[in-house]
Structure formats: structure tokens, C-alpha cells
Amino acid sequence: MSLVTLLPFIVLIGAMFLMTRSAKRKQQAAASMRNEMQPGTGVRTIGGMYATVKEINEDSVLLEIAPGVHAVYGKNAIGAVLDDAEYNRIVHGDTAIVPDDASSLTELDDAKVDLGKHDAPSDDAAPGEAEESDESDEDVAPAASEDKADKSDKAEKKNDGEGEAK
């Protein structure tokens, strides 16, 4: 057999070895994490539920999921062991969380900023939905009637000019 025919098999065996090696590392890390659990530790299950460890048995764990509510889970159902600060932040909301936007950091806390957009509703708005405006309807109505009057005056002048030209 030549080296060219053996090369694909060697590459395949090497890839399988690397994949199983990384999987074993992950399993060992998860097992050591589960062994670090002690009663009173906060955990997150693989289902995403946060609880406090009450008892640890050989293959199972007794978790307190709410005050006075206990449930038995398998050790392999523990997805992460959390440190006290992180558990309290998530479950009890003890520490401040940085906001996603900077609106609370500006001096204009609750004041609305006028962006100068007082036009008619945009085409993107849903039918029957009108954008809010600071101007009242009374202020808008005279301006609209003035525009109509100007247009009708121009139309009359144009018609008068056509009639004289004929």
C-alpha cells in the first residue's frame, strides 16, 4: 500500500482522537465542578433553573428551588455551580447592573428631546396611526386652509389669463 492511500485513514483517526480528547476534558471539568458543590451553594440546572443546594448524595442533589420548596435532581442535571456574588445578583438582584443604554447617565433624565420632526405622519406608520405632535389641531388647521386658499387664487389667475388669451 502506498502512503497516498493510507493518508485519509491517518487523518480520520487523528481527528477522532482529538475530538474524543476534548470531550473527555469537558466531562472531567463538569465532574470536578459538580464535586465542588457544597450545601448552601447556588447552582443553575441544565434546564436553566436557579436553586440552592441543600443535600448532596452519591448520584443526586436536593435543591431548594424556592423558600420551603425542595426537589431532588440528578448530579448530572447541574449545569453550573455559581459563586455567591453571581447567584445573589441573578436571583435576588443585589448588585446594580449597568444599563444597556446611556439614557440614565444624561442630565435630561425624563425630559423629551425635540428633534424638530413636526411633519405629517410617515408612510411607515400603520393605517389609522398618527404620530403625536406638540402642536394642537387648531394650529395646523389655519395653515392648511391658507395653503388651499393660495392654490385656489393661483388657479383663478391662471384661468383668467387663459380666458383673455382666447
C-alpha atoms as a PDB file:
ATOM      1  CA  MET A   1       0.000   0.000   0.000  1.00  0.00           C
ATOM      2  CA  SER A   2       1.178   3.445  -0.779  1.00  0.00           C
ATOM      3  CA  LEU A   3       1.280   6.452   1.515  1.00  0.00           C
ATOM      4  CA  VAL A   4      -1.387   8.234  -0.573  1.00  0.00           C
ATOM      5  CA  THR A   5      -3.993   5.559   0.190  1.00  0.00           C
ATOM      6  CA  LEU A   6      -3.160   5.481   3.908  1.00  0.00           C
ATOM      7  CA  LEU A   7      -3.190   9.274   4.368  1.00  0.00           C
ATOM      8  CA  PRO A   8      -7.018   9.697   4.526  1.00  0.00           C
ATOM      9  CA  PHE A   9      -7.255   6.952   7.163  1.00  0.00           C
ATOM     10  CA  ILE A  10      -4.489   8.524   9.244  1.00  0.00           C
ATOM     11  CA  VAL A  11      -6.196  11.936   9.099  1.00  0.00           C
ATOM     12  CA  LEU A  12      -9.551  10.418  10.069  1.00  0.00           C
ATOM     13  CA  ILE A  13      -8.068   8.539  13.042  1.00  0.00           C
ATOM     14  CA  GLY A  14      -6.240  11.709  14.178  1.00  0.00           C
ATOM     15  CA  ALA A  15      -9.452  13.780  14.017  1.00  0.00           C
ATOM     16  CA  MET A  16     -11.345  11.167  16.039  1.00  0.00           C
ATOM     17  CA  PHE A  17      -8.590  11.131  18.651  1.00  0.00           C
ATOM     18  CA  LEU A  18      -8.686  14.931  19.016  1.00  0.00           C
ATOM     19  CA  MET A  19     -12.490  15.014  19.294  1.00  0.00           C
ATOM     20  CA  THR A  20     -12.642  12.335  21.977  1.00  0.00           C
ATOM     21  CA  ARG A  21      -9.820  14.009  23.883  1.00  0.00           C
ATOM     22  CA  SER A  22     -11.645  17.360  24.047  1.00  0.00           C
ATOM     23  CA  ALA A  23     -14.898  15.630  25.032  1.00  0.00           C
ATOM     24  CA  LYS A  24     -13.118  13.836  27.873  1.00  0.00           C
ATOM     25  CA  ARG A  25     -11.685  17.142  29.086  1.00  0.00           C
ATOM     26  CA  LYS A  26     -15.148  18.695  29.150  1.00  0.00           C
ATOM     27  CA  GLN A  27     -16.553  15.722  31.063  1.00  0.00           C
ATOM     28  CA  GLN A  28     -13.734  15.894  33.619  1.00  0.00           C
ATOM     29  CA  ALA A  29     -14.265  19.640  34.089  1.00  0.00           C
ATOM     30  CA  ALA A  30     -18.007  19.125  34.609  1.00  0.00           C
ATOM     31  CA  ALA A  31     -17.391  16.314  37.097  1.00  0.00           C
ATOM     32  CA  SER A  32     -14.916  18.382  39.113  1.00  0.00           C
ATOM     33  CA  MET A  33     -17.357  21.319  39.077  1.00  0.00           C
ATOM     34  CA  ARG A  34     -20.115  19.068  40.451  1.00  0.00           C
ATOM     35  CA  ASN A  35     -17.751  17.710  43.102  1.00  0.00           C
ATOM     36  CA  GLU A  36     -17.076  21.273  44.312  1.00  0.00           C
ATOM     37  CA  MET A  37     -20.751  21.668  45.260  1.00  0.00           C
ATOM     38  CA  GLN A  38     -21.471  22.077  48.947  1.00  0.00           C
ATOM     39  CA  PRO A  39     -24.716  22.684  50.825  1.00  0.00           C
ATOM     40  CA  GLY A  40     -25.647  26.353  50.511  1.00  0.00           C
ATOM     41  CA  THR A  41     -24.060  26.776  47.084  1.00  0.00           C
ATOM     42  CA  GLY A  42     -26.102  28.365  44.315  1.00  0.00           C
ATOM     43  CA  VAL A  43     -26.439  26.339  41.109  1.00  0.00           C
ATOM     44  CA  ARG A  44     -28.071  26.538  37.684  1.00  0.00           C
ATOM     45  CA  THR A  45     -29.578  23.353  36.303  1.00  0.00           C
ATOM     46  CA  ILE A  46     -29.248  22.321  32.673  1.00  0.00           C
ATOM     47  CA  GLY A  47     -32.867  23.435  32.298  1.00  0.00           C
ATOM     48  CA  GLY A  48     -31.965  26.977  33.379  1.00  0.00           C
ATOM     49  CA  MET A  49     -33.466  26.900  36.888  1.00  0.00           C
ATOM     50  CA  TYR A  50     -31.550  28.564  39.717  1.00  0.00           C
ATOM     51  CA  ALA A  51     -31.576  26.854  43.111  1.00  0.00           C
ATOM     52  CA  THR A  52     -29.623  26.388  46.326  1.00  0.00           C
ATOM     53  CA  VAL A  53     -28.023  23.047  47.218  1.00  0.00           C
ATOM     54  CA  LYS A  54     -29.408  21.578  50.463  1.00  0.00           C
ATOM     55  CA  GLU A  55     -28.046  17.996  50.446  1.00  0.00           C
ATOM     56  CA  ILE A  56     -25.582  16.098  48.303  1.00  0.00           C
ATOM     57  CA  ASN A  57     -25.897  12.327  47.877  1.00  0.00           C
ATOM     58  CA  GLU A  58     -23.852   9.966  45.723  1.00  0.00           C
ATOM     59  CA  ASP A  59     -25.849  10.425  42.498  1.00  0.00           C
ATOM     60  CA  SER A  60     -28.471  13.015  43.455  1.00  0.00           C
ATOM     61  CA  VAL A  61     -28.751  16.505  44.882  1.00  0.00           C
ATOM     62  CA  LEU A  62     -31.545  18.028  46.972  1.00  0.00           C
ATOM     63  CA  LEU A  63     -32.179  21.567  45.722  1.00  0.00           C
ATOM     64  CA  GLU A  64     -34.249  24.324  47.287  1.00  0.00           C
ATOM     65  CA  ILE A  65     -35.911  25.973  44.303  1.00  0.00           C
ATOM     66  CA  ALA A  66     -37.989  28.403  46.392  1.00  0.00           C
ATOM     67  CA  PRO A  67     -38.228  29.041  50.124  1.00  0.00           C
ATOM     68  CA  GLY A  68     -39.589  25.801  51.580  1.00  0.00           C
ATOM     69  CA  VAL A  69     -39.814  24.046  48.181  1.00  0.00           C
ATOM     70  CA  HIS A  70     -37.344  21.190  47.661  1.00  0.00           C
ATOM     71  CA  ALA A  71     -36.702  18.953  44.666  1.00  0.00           C
ATOM     72  CA  VAL A  72     -34.353  16.049  44.027  1.00  0.00           C
ATOM     73  CA  TYR A  73     -32.182  16.248  40.898  1.00  0.00           C
ATOM     74  CA  GLY A  74     -29.502  14.007  39.478  1.00  0.00           C
ATOM     75  CA  LYS A  75     -25.967  15.359  39.823  1.00  0.00           C
ATOM     76  CA  ASN A  76     -25.604  15.353  36.067  1.00  0.00           C
ATOM     77  CA  ALA A  77     -28.531  17.831  35.849  1.00  0.00           C
ATOM     78  CA  ILE A  78     -26.385  20.577  37.406  1.00  0.00           C
ATOM     79  CA  GLY A  79     -25.213  22.827  34.594  1.00  0.00           C
ATOM     80  CA  ALA A  80     -23.126  25.299  36.592  1.00  0.00           C
ATOM     81  CA  VAL A  81     -22.038  25.946  40.156  1.00  0.00           C
ATOM     82  CA  LEU A  82     -22.239  29.683  40.786  1.00  0.00           C
ATOM     83  CA  ASP A  83     -20.261  31.769  43.228  1.00  0.00           C
ATOM     84  CA  ASP A  84     -22.252  33.631  45.890  1.00  0.00           C
ATOM     85  CA  ALA A  85     -21.976  37.074  44.267  1.00  0.00           C
ATOM     86  CA  GLU A  86     -23.226  35.881  40.889  1.00  0.00           C
ATOM     87  CA  TYR A  87     -26.044  33.809  42.403  1.00  0.00           C
ATOM     88  CA  ASN A  88     -27.265  36.740  44.515  1.00  0.00           C
ATOM     89  CA  ARG A  89     -27.052  39.109  41.534  1.00  0.00           C
ATOM     90  CA  ILE A  90     -29.140  36.797  39.360  1.00  0.00           C
ATOM     91  CA  VAL A  91     -31.683  35.520  41.874  1.00  0.00           C
ATOM     92  CA  HIS A  92     -32.060  38.428  44.294  1.00  0.00           C
ATOM     93  CA  GLY A  93     -30.868  41.335  42.138  1.00  0.00           C
ATOM     94  CA  ASP A  94     -28.499  42.507  44.895  1.00  0.00           C
ATOM     95  CA  THR A  95     -25.976  44.456  42.827  1.00  0.00           C
ATOM     96  CA  ALA A  96     -26.509  47.224  40.316  1.00  0.00           C
ATOM     97  CA  ILE A  97     -26.420  46.266  36.658  1.00  0.00           C
ATOM     98  CA  VAL A  98     -25.026  48.644  34.072  1.00  0.00           C
ATOM     99  CA  PRO A  99     -27.858  49.842  31.791  1.00  0.00           C
ATOM    100  CA  ASP A 100     -27.866  48.874  28.115  1.00  0.00           C
ATOM    101  CA  ASP A 101     -28.332  52.461  27.022  1.00  0.00           C
ATOM    102  CA  ALA A 102     -26.852  55.710  28.319  1.00  0.00           C
ATOM    103  CA  SER A 103     -30.187  57.491  28.851  1.00  0.00           C
ATOM    104  CA  SER A 104     -29.897  57.265  32.629  1.00  0.00           C
ATOM    105  CA  LEU A 105     -26.443  58.800  32.521  1.00  0.00           C
ATOM    106  CA  THR A 106     -27.526  62.061  30.893  1.00  0.00           C
ATOM    107  CA  GLU A 107     -28.765  65.149  32.703  1.00  0.00           C
ATOM    108  CA  LEU A 108     -32.105  65.119  30.824  1.00  0.00           C
ATOM    109  CA  ASP A 109     -33.473  62.147  32.755  1.00  0.00           C
ATOM    110  CA  ASP A 110     -37.168  62.227  31.880  1.00  0.00           C
ATOM    111  CA  ALA A 111     -37.257  65.249  29.570  1.00  0.00           C
ATOM    112  CA  LYS A 112     -38.210  64.546  25.982  1.00  0.00           C
ATOM    113  CA  VAL A 113     -35.864  65.922  23.392  1.00  0.00           C
ATOM    114  CA  ASP A 114     -37.499  67.783  20.492  1.00  0.00           C
ATOM    115  CA  LEU A 115     -35.938  66.557  17.278  1.00  0.00           C
ATOM    116  CA  GLY A 116     -37.842  69.090  15.177  1.00  0.00           C
ATOM    117  CA  LYS A 117     -39.955  66.494  13.441  1.00  0.00           C
ATOM    118  CA  HIS A 118     -43.429  68.044  13.157  1.00  0.00           C
ATOM    119  CA  ASP A 119     -44.379  66.780   9.688  1.00  0.00           C
ATOM    120  CA  ALA A 120     -47.310  64.661   8.642  1.00  0.00           C
ATOM    121  CA  PRO A 121     -47.320  61.012   9.668  1.00  0.00           C
ATOM    122  CA  SER A 122     -44.765  58.968   7.802  1.00  0.00           C
ATOM    123  CA  ASP A 123     -45.636  56.334   5.251  1.00  0.00           C
ATOM    124  CA  ASP A 124     -44.133  53.701   7.592  1.00  0.00           C
ATOM    125  CA  ALA A 125     -46.862  54.259  10.190  1.00  0.00           C
ATOM    126  CA  ALA A 126     -49.666  51.759  10.304  1.00  0.00           C
ATOM    127  CA  PRO A 127     -53.023  52.866   8.854  1.00  0.00           C
ATOM    128  CA  GLY A 128     -55.058  54.812  11.348  1.00  0.00           C
ATOM    129  CA  GLU A 129     -51.973  55.512  13.428  1.00  0.00           C
ATOM    130  CA  ALA A 130     -50.927  59.136  13.613  1.00  0.00           C
ATOM    131  CA  GLU A 131     -47.678  60.419  15.066  1.00  0.00           C
ATOM    132  CA  GLU A 132     -48.017  62.591  18.127  1.00  0.00           C
ATOM    133  CA  SER A 133     -47.202  66.259  17.704  1.00  0.00           C
ATOM    134  CA  ASP A 134     -46.661  69.097  20.165  1.00  0.00           C
ATOM    135  CA  GLU A 135     -48.853  71.379  18.029  1.00  0.00           C
ATOM    136  CA  SER A 136     -52.614  71.272  18.522  1.00  0.00           C
ATOM    137  CA  ASP A 137     -55.041  70.653  15.666  1.00  0.00           C
ATOM    138  CA  GLU A 138     -56.133  74.305  15.799  1.00  0.00           C
ATOM    139  CA  ASP A 139     -52.616  75.472  14.948  1.00  0.00           C
ATOM    140  CA  VAL A 140     -52.387  73.138  11.976  1.00  0.00           C
ATOM    141  CA  ALA A 141     -55.827  73.822  10.511  1.00  0.00           C
ATOM    142  CA  PRO A 142     -55.318  77.538   9.641  1.00  0.00           C
ATOM    143  CA  ALA A 143     -52.035  76.767   7.915  1.00  0.00           C
ATOM    144  CA  ALA A 144     -53.698  74.095   5.817  1.00  0.00           C
ATOM    145  CA  SER A 145     -56.591  76.391   4.873  1.00  0.00           C
ATOM    146  CA  GLU A 146     -54.114  79.159   3.891  1.00  0.00           C
ATOM    147  CA  ASP A 147     -52.351  76.722   1.547  1.00  0.00           C
ATOM    148  CA  LYS A 148     -55.669  75.805  -0.071  1.00  0.00           C
ATOM    149  CA  ALA A 149     -56.567  79.492  -0.470  1.00  0.00           C
ATOM    150  CA  ASP A 150     -53.224  80.247  -2.125  1.00  0.00           C
ATOM    151  CA  LYS A 151     -53.700  77.370  -4.563  1.00  0.00           C
ATOM    152  CA  SER A 152     -57.231  78.449  -5.459  1.00  0.00           C
ATOM    153  CA  ASP A 153     -56.057  82.070  -6.056  1.00  0.00           C
ATOM    154  CA  LYS A 154     -53.320  80.834  -8.399  1.00  0.00           C
ATOM    155  CA  ALA A 155     -55.813  78.635 -10.257  1.00  0.00           C
ATOM    156  CA  GLU A 156     -58.193  81.594 -10.718  1.00  0.00           C
ATOM    157  CA  LYS A 157     -55.405  83.827 -12.062  1.00  0.00           C
ATOM    158  CA  LYS A 158     -54.340  81.066 -14.456  1.00  0.00           C
ATOM    159  CA  ASN A 159     -57.944  80.602 -15.661  1.00  0.00           C
ATOM    160  CA  ASP A 160     -58.353  84.395 -16.099  1.00  0.00           C
ATOM    161  CA  GLY A 161     -55.200  84.528 -18.191  1.00  0.00           C
ATOM    162  CA  GLU A 162     -56.364  81.670 -20.408  1.00  0.00           C
ATOM    163  CA  GLY A 163     -59.745  83.269 -20.942  1.00  0.00           C
ATOM    164  CA  GLU A 164     -58.200  86.580 -22.070  1.00  0.00           C
ATOM    165  CA  ALA A 165     -55.784  84.826 -24.388  1.00  0.00           C
ATOM    166  CA  LYS A 166     -58.578  83.062 -26.291  1.00  0.00           C
END
